[in-house]
Amino acid sequence: MDKKTILVGVGGGIAAYKSANLCSLLVKRGYEVQVLMTEHATRFIQPLTLQALTKHPVIFDTFAEPNPSEIAHIAVADRADLYVIAPATANLIAKLAHGLADDMVTTTALAATCPTVVAPAMNVHMFEHPAVQENLDILRRRGTLVLDPGEGPLACGYTGRGRMPEPEDIADVIEAVLHQERDLEGLILLITAGPTVEDIDPVRYLTNRSSGKMGYALAEQAARRGARVTLISGPTHLKPVPGARMVYVRSTEQMLHAVSEFFPEADAFISAAAPADFRPARTLDHKWKKSQGPLKLDLVETPDILLAASRLKRPGQVVVGFAAETDMPLEHARRKLIDKDLDLIVVNDVTKPGAGFEVDTNQVTLIAKDGSTEALPVMEKHRVADHILTRVRQVLRVSDGERPL
């Protein structure tokens, strides 16, 4: 079998040095690697370094055609199986979003018909600027896989989101894109994950044992299968999902606002989060001391996110709920399915081994609106996620006969 060809576009940012490691990893994994650079990128890392790693000349001058019988940016685009741009600076992202083509990286991007992956890298405030976020949304709508940057110390001295994803993670995404069936291409999925937190005072809070692993697995598999994914996450210790738009919240109220914002555009909403059902009627502005005596809490219900979304559901839109139960799981799940007008519910008995909290496996039963059930054995959560996504795809196809699935 012929080797697949990966184009690596290198932008002019300090993270350009990481492109050497990325190229090395891709070569070791058996890919042909062709590097393109912006002129500014050559000031951060020498083209000769990347040429030595890939065994191919690096192209960075738009007017220097290595082979006079072909046009370089057209030829390399035609041969590519995937184009990854890493690092992608704010300037480069703006050019890609608006179709500017004034260097090898951007001219090739317009000519390429293969899947494109973009790995942003910049200062945290630049990344969070509305202009950059709007440009990334433009790329996502066109089908570009935008990786979420890492969080930590940045070269500018700040700490926050903006680090280029690690080369190993980018290489894993590339392999997933090239080898994963992309049967969810064109779909927009909204997924929630993790717990929410309701503050008692500046130190204490109410929450639950949800790890977020099931929701993150759903988002990861959906992105790998070609969907545009927005993942709304409560507090977890999990890494951002490559290719998903990450939205971080803390409280149930914040999660409701985020769901309300992104729900209208979604083809399907998968509510895998475990938002807190109650919150303190009031939050103390100081830590409650033991010397003050027993702390009495008046609790009030939090908003029902799943019910609110279901009431906004338009024809053809699919809403999926989860039910983590400890007794009579199927009966409780069926009641929830009916009461909240869901299209599908995923139920698990958290008292069973391998199906509880903070584990990498799950054992679930899927119950559809027509009453049909599918019981899955204990399996790794990414496999469970694939089963759920396949059922969602089937429900969408039934809901909209014209949908090209």
Protein backbone atom coordinates (compact mmCIF):
# COMPACT_ATOMS: atom_id res chain seq x y z
CA MET A 1 0.00 0.00 0.00
CA ASP A 2 1.31 3.47 -0.91
CA LYS A 3 2.31 5.70 1.95
CA LYS A 4 -0.12 8.48 2.76
CA THR A 5 1.21 12.01 2.34
CA ILE A 6 0.83 14.58 5.09
CA LEU A 7 1.38 18.27 4.43
CA VAL A 8 2.64 20.16 7.47
CA GLY A 9 2.14 23.92 7.27
CA VAL A 10 4.26 25.84 9.77
CA GLY A 11 3.20 29.32 10.88
CA GLY A 12 5.40 32.07 12.30
CA GLY A 13 5.07 31.60 16.04
CA ILE A 14 7.37 30.49 18.83
CA ALA A 15 5.68 27.07 18.80
CA ALA A 16 7.17 26.48 15.33
CA TYR A 17 9.96 24.54 17.01
CA LYS A 18 7.40 21.85 17.91
CA SER A 19 6.83 21.19 14.21
CA ALA A 20 10.16 19.36 14.12
CA ASN A 21 8.91 16.83 16.66
CA LEU A 22 5.61 16.51 14.79
CA CYS A 23 7.38 15.80 11.51
CA SER A 24 9.65 13.25 13.18
CA LEU A 25 6.66 11.44 14.72
CA LEU A 26 4.78 11.32 11.43
CA VAL A 27 7.79 9.94 9.57
CA LYS A 28 8.25 7.27 12.24
CA ARG A 29 4.58 6.31 11.83
CA GLY A 30 5.14 5.63 8.15
CA TYR A 31 3.90 8.79 6.44
CA GLU A 32 5.46 10.84 3.68
CA VAL A 33 5.78 14.35 5.07
CA GLN A 34 6.05 17.53 3.01
CA VAL A 35 6.65 20.76 4.95
CA LEU A 36 5.43 24.19 3.90
CA MET A 37 6.44 27.30 5.84
CA THR A 38 5.53 30.96 5.97
CA GLU A 39 8.46 33.34 5.65
CA HIS A 40 8.03 34.35 9.30
CA ALA A 41 8.18 30.69 10.35
CA THR A 42 11.69 30.42 8.88
CA ARG A 43 12.84 32.95 11.49
CA PHE A 44 11.83 30.60 14.31
CA ILE A 45 13.14 27.31 12.88
CA GLN A 46 15.47 26.62 9.97
CA PRO A 47 13.95 24.87 6.93
CA LEU A 48 17.05 22.67 6.81
CA THR A 49 16.06 21.10 10.14
CA LEU A 50 12.68 20.02 8.79
CA GLN A 51 14.21 18.91 5.49
CA ALA A 52 16.61 16.63 7.36
CA LEU A 53 13.74 15.07 9.32
CA THR A 54 11.39 14.55 6.35
CA LYS A 55 13.94 13.88 3.57
CA HIS A 56 12.04 16.36 1.37
CA PRO A 57 12.90 19.96 0.47
CA VAL A 58 10.91 22.47 2.50
CA ILE A 59 8.87 24.93 0.41
CA PHE A 60 8.52 28.46 1.75
CA ASP A 61 9.06 30.76 -1.24
CA THR A 62 5.91 31.05 -3.37
CA PHE A 63 7.97 32.04 -6.40
CA ALA A 64 10.62 29.33 -6.11
CA GLU A 65 9.19 26.38 -8.04
CA PRO A 66 11.30 23.26 -7.31
CA ASN A 67 9.93 21.58 -10.44
CA PRO A 68 9.32 23.95 -13.38
CA SER A 69 6.89 21.47 -14.93
CA GLU A 70 4.34 21.96 -12.15
CA ILE A 71 2.97 24.69 -9.90
CA ALA A 72 4.20 23.88 -6.41
CA HIS A 73 1.20 24.75 -4.26
CA ILE A 74 -1.19 22.96 -6.65
CA ALA A 75 1.00 19.88 -6.98
CA VAL A 76 1.58 19.36 -3.27
CA ALA A 77 -2.12 19.95 -2.55
CA ASP A 78 -3.11 17.32 -5.12
CA ARG A 79 -0.78 14.72 -3.59
CA ALA A 80 -1.86 15.32 0.02
CA ASP A 81 -4.04 12.95 2.02
CA LEU A 82 -4.22 15.43 4.90
CA TYR A 83 -3.04 18.98 5.58
CA VAL A 84 -2.14 19.98 9.14
CA ILE A 85 -1.23 23.57 9.99
CA ALA A 86 0.74 23.69 13.23
CA PRO A 87 1.30 26.15 14.71
CA ALA A 88 -1.53 28.29 13.36
CA THR A 89 -1.07 31.88 14.51
CA ALA A 90 -3.91 34.41 14.83
CA ASN A 91 -2.79 36.03 11.58
CA LEU A 92 -2.65 32.71 9.74
CA ILE A 93 -6.08 31.70 11.06
CA ALA A 94 -7.53 35.01 9.81
CA LYS A 95 -6.07 34.41 6.35
CA LEU A 96 -7.44 30.87 6.23
CA ALA A 97 -10.89 32.01 7.34
CA HIS A 98 -11.16 34.77 4.76
CA GLY A 99 -9.49 33.08 1.81
CA LEU A 100 -6.32 35.16 1.67
CA ALA A 101 -3.46 33.47 -0.16
CA ASP A 102 -0.11 35.25 -0.03
CA ASP A 103 2.32 32.51 1.03
CA MET A 104 2.85 28.78 0.52
CA VAL A 105 0.80 27.77 3.55
CA THR A 106 -2.31 29.75 2.58
CA THR A 107 -2.19 29.24 -1.20
CA THR A 108 -1.92 25.51 -0.63
CA ALA A 109 -4.83 25.63 1.82
CA LEU A 110 -7.10 27.01 -0.91
CA ALA A 111 -5.96 24.37 -3.38
CA ALA A 112 -6.21 21.42 -1.00
CA THR A 113 -9.29 19.16 -1.17
CA CYS A 114 -8.10 16.79 1.57
CA PRO A 115 -9.06 17.00 5.27
CA THR A 116 -7.45 19.97 7.03
CA VAL A 117 -6.42 20.13 10.68
CA VAL A 118 -5.54 23.44 12.36
CA ALA A 119 -3.62 23.66 15.66
CA PRO A 120 -3.86 27.21 17.08
CA ALA A 121 -1.00 28.63 19.17
CA MET A 122 -0.91 32.15 20.59
CA ASN A 123 -1.26 34.33 23.68
CA VAL A 124 -4.33 33.52 25.79
CA HIS A 125 -5.91 36.96 25.27
CA MET A 126 -5.33 36.74 21.53
CA PHE A 127 -6.93 33.29 21.44
CA GLU A 128 -9.96 34.50 23.40
CA HIS A 129 -10.42 37.62 21.24
CA PRO A 130 -13.82 37.56 19.48
CA ALA A 131 -12.19 38.03 16.07
CA VAL A 132 -10.05 34.92 16.50
CA GLN A 133 -12.99 32.90 17.84
CA GLU A 134 -15.19 34.00 14.93
CA ASN A 135 -12.48 33.02 12.45
CA LEU A 136 -12.15 29.60 14.08
CA ASP A 137 -15.92 29.16 13.85
CA ILE A 138 -15.76 29.97 10.13
CA LEU A 139 -13.16 27.25 9.67
CA ARG A 140 -15.22 24.76 11.68
CA ARG A 141 -18.31 25.45 9.57
CA ARG A 142 -16.28 24.66 6.47
CA GLY A 143 -15.29 21.29 7.89
CA THR A 144 -11.80 22.15 9.14
CA LEU A 145 -10.85 20.19 12.24
CA VAL A 146 -9.76 22.83 14.77
CA LEU A 147 -7.81 21.47 17.72
CA ASP A 148 -8.30 23.10 21.09
CA PRO A 149 -5.03 24.60 22.38
CA GLY A 150 -3.49 23.37 25.59
CA GLU A 151 -3.45 25.30 28.84
CA GLY A 152 -0.38 26.24 30.85
CA PRO A 153 2.61 28.61 30.87
CA LEU A 154 2.99 30.52 27.59
CA ALA A 155 6.14 31.97 26.03
CA CYS A 156 4.78 35.50 26.58
CA GLY A 157 4.80 34.96 30.34
CA TYR A 158 1.06 34.47 30.73
CA THR A 159 -0.58 31.26 31.91
CA GLY A 160 -3.73 30.09 30.15
CA ARG A 161 -5.09 28.56 26.96
CA GLY A 162 -2.99 29.08 23.88
CA ARG A 163 -0.30 26.40 23.89
CA MET A 164 0.00 24.47 20.65
CA PRO A 165 -1.30 20.92 21.24
CA GLU A 166 1.49 18.44 21.86
CA PRO A 167 2.90 16.81 18.70
CA GLU A 168 1.94 13.33 19.96
CA ASP A 169 -1.69 14.45 20.32
CA ILE A 170 -1.70 16.04 16.86
CA ALA A 171 -0.23 12.88 15.33
CA ASP A 172 -2.93 10.80 17.04
CA VAL A 173 -5.64 13.06 15.62
CA ILE A 174 -4.13 12.76 12.14
CA GLU A 175 -4.18 8.97 12.36
CA ALA A 176 -7.77 9.02 13.60
CA VAL A 177 -8.89 11.28 10.74
CA LEU A 178 -7.18 9.16 8.12
CA HIS A 179 -8.41 5.81 9.42
CA GLN A 180 -11.78 6.58 11.05
CA GLU A 181 -14.99 6.18 9.07
CA ARG A 182 -16.40 9.72 8.81
CA ASP A 183 -20.07 8.78 8.77
CA LEU A 184 -21.13 11.80 10.84
CA GLU A 185 -19.73 14.34 8.38
CA GLY A 186 -22.00 17.37 8.10
CA LEU A 187 -23.73 16.88 11.44
CA ILE A 188 -23.60 19.38 14.31
CA LEU A 189 -23.62 17.76 17.74
CA LEU A 190 -23.95 19.47 21.12
CA ILE A 191 -22.71 17.36 24.05
CA THR A 192 -22.54 18.08 27.77
CA ALA A 193 -20.19 16.33 30.17
CA GLY A 194 -19.08 16.22 33.78
CA PRO A 195 -20.63 17.51 36.99
CA THR A 196 -21.63 21.02 37.92
CA VAL A 197 -20.67 22.76 41.14
CA GLU A 198 -22.95 24.79 43.42
CA ASP A 199 -21.08 26.93 45.94
CA ILE A 200 -21.99 26.91 49.63
CA ASP A 201 -19.29 29.39 50.62
CA PRO A 202 -15.89 30.35 49.16
CA VAL A 203 -14.47 26.97 50.29
CA ARG A 204 -17.28 24.40 50.14
CA TYR A 205 -19.66 23.35 47.39
CA LEU A 206 -22.23 20.75 46.35
CA THR A 207 -21.41 18.45 43.44
CA ASN A 208 -21.48 14.77 42.46
CA ARG A 209 -19.09 12.00 41.45
CA SER A 210 -19.34 12.41 37.68
CA SER A 211 -15.89 12.29 36.05
CA GLY A 212 -17.05 13.50 32.63
CA LYS A 213 -15.40 10.52 30.92
CA MET A 214 -18.55 9.36 29.12
CA GLY A 215 -19.33 12.78 27.70
CA TYR A 216 -15.73 13.34 26.65
CA ALA A 217 -15.66 9.92 24.96
CA LEU A 218 -18.80 10.85 23.02
CA ALA A 219 -17.28 14.15 21.92
CA GLU A 220 -13.99 12.53 20.90
CA GLN A 221 -15.62 9.77 18.85
CA ALA A 222 -18.08 12.19 17.24
CA ALA A 223 -15.25 14.49 16.15
CA ARG A 224 -13.29 11.54 14.80
CA ARG A 225 -16.32 10.46 12.79
CA GLY A 226 -16.58 13.87 11.15
CA ALA A 227 -19.18 15.74 13.21
CA ARG A 228 -18.85 19.37 14.26
CA VAL A 229 -18.85 19.06 18.03
CA THR A 230 -19.42 21.57 20.80
CA LEU A 231 -18.60 20.08 24.21
CA ILE A 232 -19.95 21.96 27.24
CA SER A 233 -17.97 20.70 30.22
CA GLY A 234 -18.34 21.11 33.93
CA PRO A 235 -15.21 20.92 36.13
CA THR A 236 -13.14 17.82 35.27
CA HIS A 237 -9.49 16.77 35.13
CA LEU A 238 -9.74 15.64 31.49
CA LYS A 239 -7.80 16.97 28.51
CA PRO A 240 -9.64 19.06 25.88
CA VAL A 241 -11.14 16.95 23.10
CA PRO A 242 -9.20 17.38 19.84
CA GLY A 243 -11.43 18.88 17.17
CA ALA A 244 -14.25 19.91 19.53
CA ARG A 245 -15.22 23.44 20.44
CA MET A 246 -14.72 23.46 24.22
CA VAL A 247 -17.02 25.51 26.47
CA TYR A 248 -16.23 25.40 30.19
CA VAL A 249 -18.84 26.08 32.86
CA ARG A 250 -19.09 25.67 36.62
CA SER A 251 -22.70 25.84 37.77
CA THR A 252 -25.93 24.33 36.47
CA GLU A 253 -27.18 27.81 35.59
CA GLN A 254 -24.06 28.44 33.50
CA MET A 255 -24.50 25.10 31.74
CA LEU A 256 -28.11 25.96 30.95
CA HIS A 257 -27.05 29.29 29.40
CA ALA A 258 -24.39 27.55 27.29
CA VAL A 259 -26.81 24.86 26.11
CA SER A 260 -29.38 27.54 25.24
CA GLU A 261 -26.75 29.34 23.14
CA PHE A 262 -25.60 26.36 21.09
CA PHE A 263 -28.75 24.19 21.01
CA PRO A 264 -30.53 25.97 18.11
CA GLU A 265 -27.81 25.09 15.57
CA ALA A 266 -27.38 21.47 16.70
CA ASP A 267 -28.75 18.48 14.82
CA ALA A 268 -28.59 16.49 18.05
CA PHE A 269 -28.11 17.30 21.73
CA ILE A 270 -26.57 14.55 23.88
CA SER A 271 -26.97 15.42 27.56
CA ALA A 272 -24.27 13.27 29.15
CA ALA A 273 -23.50 15.71 31.98
CA ALA A 274 -24.64 15.19 35.56
CA PRO A 275 -25.66 18.69 36.64
CA ALA A 276 -26.39 19.20 40.31
CA ASP A 277 -30.12 18.92 41.03
CA PHE A 278 -30.02 21.31 43.99
CA ARG A 279 -28.14 24.42 45.06
CA PRO A 280 -28.02 26.40 48.30
CA ALA A 281 -30.76 29.02 48.48
CA ARG A 282 -28.00 31.52 49.24
CA THR A 283 -24.22 31.43 48.94
CA LEU A 284 -22.22 32.68 51.90
CA ASP A 285 -19.56 35.28 51.15
CA HIS A 286 -17.28 33.96 53.91
CA LYS A 287 -16.15 30.55 55.11
CA TRP A 288 -18.49 29.11 57.75
CA LYS A 289 -16.47 28.29 60.88
CA LYS A 290 -17.16 25.32 63.16
CA SER A 291 -17.24 27.76 66.05
CA GLN A 292 -20.36 29.28 64.50
CA GLY A 293 -22.28 26.08 65.12
CA PRO A 294 -24.00 23.67 62.71
CA LEU A 295 -24.38 24.84 59.14
CA LYS A 296 -27.97 24.52 57.98
CA LEU A 297 -28.59 24.57 54.25
CA ASP A 298 -31.83 25.44 52.53
CA LEU A 299 -31.70 23.83 49.10
CA VAL A 300 -33.62 24.85 45.99
CA GLU A 301 -33.92 23.02 42.69
CA THR A 302 -31.62 23.95 39.83
CA PRO A 303 -32.96 24.38 36.28
CA ASP A 304 -33.74 21.17 34.36
CA ILE A 305 -31.41 21.56 31.38
CA LEU A 306 -32.65 18.50 29.51
CA LEU A 307 -36.31 19.46 29.86
CA ALA A 308 -35.59 23.03 28.78
CA ALA A 309 -33.79 21.80 25.66
CA SER A 310 -36.52 19.31 24.83
CA ARG A 311 -39.16 22.06 24.94
CA LEU A 312 -37.14 24.02 22.37
CA LYS A 313 -36.72 21.03 20.06
CA ARG A 314 -37.56 21.69 16.44
CA PRO A 315 -38.80 19.04 13.96
CA GLY A 316 -35.94 16.73 13.00
CA GLN A 317 -33.79 17.71 15.98
CA VAL A 318 -32.79 14.83 18.28
CA VAL A 319 -32.41 15.02 22.06
CA VAL A 320 -30.67 12.24 23.99
CA GLY A 321 -30.72 11.93 27.77
CA PHE A 322 -28.80 9.88 30.32
CA ALA A 323 -30.10 8.22 33.47
CA ALA A 324 -27.68 7.05 36.17
CA GLU A 325 -29.84 4.93 38.48
CA THR A 326 -29.45 2.77 41.58
CA ASP A 327 -32.79 0.94 41.59
CA MET A 328 -35.36 0.02 38.94
CA PRO A 329 -33.18 1.64 36.25
CA LEU A 330 -35.25 0.72 33.21
CA GLU A 331 -38.53 1.84 34.77
CA HIS A 332 -37.10 5.19 35.86
CA ALA A 333 -35.43 5.71 32.47
CA ARG A 334 -38.64 4.98 30.55
CA ARG A 335 -40.51 7.51 32.68
CA LYS A 336 -37.80 10.12 32.05
CA LEU A 337 -37.92 9.38 28.31
CA ILE A 338 -41.66 10.08 28.23
CA ASP A 339 -41.78 13.00 30.67
CA LYS A 340 -39.03 14.90 28.85
CA ASP A 341 -40.05 13.90 25.31
CA LEU A 342 -36.64 12.42 24.51
CA ASP A 343 -35.72 10.56 21.33
CA LEU A 344 -33.29 8.24 23.10
CA ILE A 345 -32.17 7.62 26.66
CA VAL A 346 -29.03 5.88 27.88
CA VAL A 347 -29.44 4.24 31.29
CA ASN A 348 -26.90 2.59 33.56
CA ASP A 349 -27.06 1.04 37.01
CA VAL A 350 -24.20 2.76 38.83
CA THR A 351 -24.16 0.08 41.54
CA LYS A 352 -22.88 -2.53 39.08
CA PRO A 353 -19.12 -3.18 38.75
CA GLY A 354 -17.66 -1.40 35.73
CA ALA A 355 -20.70 0.86 35.30
CA GLY A 356 -20.27 3.39 38.08
CA PHE A 357 -18.41 6.66 38.43
CA GLU A 358 -14.74 7.45 37.74
CA VAL A 359 -14.11 4.27 35.71
CA ASP A 360 -13.14 3.81 32.06
CA THR A 361 -15.89 1.28 31.30
CA ASN A 362 -19.66 1.39 31.28
CA GLN A 363 -22.63 -0.94 30.91
CA VAL A 364 -25.68 0.75 29.46
CA THR A 365 -29.06 0.08 27.94
CA LEU A 366 -30.35 2.28 25.13
CA ILE A 367 -34.10 2.91 25.10
CA ALA A 368 -35.63 4.53 22.02
CA LYS A 369 -38.82 6.57 21.73
CA ASP A 370 -40.64 3.59 20.19
CA GLY A 371 -39.85 1.52 23.29
CA SER A 372 -37.17 -0.64 21.69
CA THR A 373 -34.14 -1.42 23.86
CA GLU A 374 -30.52 -2.39 23.24
CA ALA A 375 -28.54 -3.72 26.19
CA LEU A 376 -24.77 -3.46 25.85
CA PRO A 377 -22.26 -5.51 27.85
CA VAL A 378 -19.55 -3.90 29.96
CA MET A 379 -17.18 -2.19 27.54
CA GLU A 380 -14.73 0.68 27.30
CA LYS A 381 -16.47 4.06 27.22
CA HIS A 382 -15.22 4.99 23.74
CA ARG A 383 -16.88 1.83 22.39
CA VAL A 384 -20.07 2.69 24.25
CA ALA A 385 -19.87 6.16 22.72
CA ASP A 386 -19.66 4.71 19.22
CA HIS A 387 -22.78 2.61 19.82
CA ILE A 388 -24.67 5.66 21.06
CA LEU A 389 -23.54 7.80 18.13
CA THR A 390 -24.57 5.14 15.65
CA ARG A 391 -28.05 5.07 17.19
CA VAL A 392 -28.22 8.87 17.08
CA ARG A 393 -27.29 8.73 13.40
CA GLN A 394 -30.08 6.22 12.79
CA VAL A 395 -32.63 8.36 14.64
CA LEU A 396 -31.60 11.42 12.64
CA ARG A 397 -32.00 9.50 9.41
CA VAL A 398 -35.52 8.44 10.40
CA SER A 399 -36.40 11.97 11.54
CA ASP A 400 -35.28 13.53 8.27
CA GLY A 401 -35.57 11.29 5.23
CA GLU A 402 -33.66 13.77 3.08
CA ARG A 403 -30.61 13.84 5.35
CA PRO A 404 -27.59 12.53 3.34
CA LEU A 405 -26.35 9.95 5.86
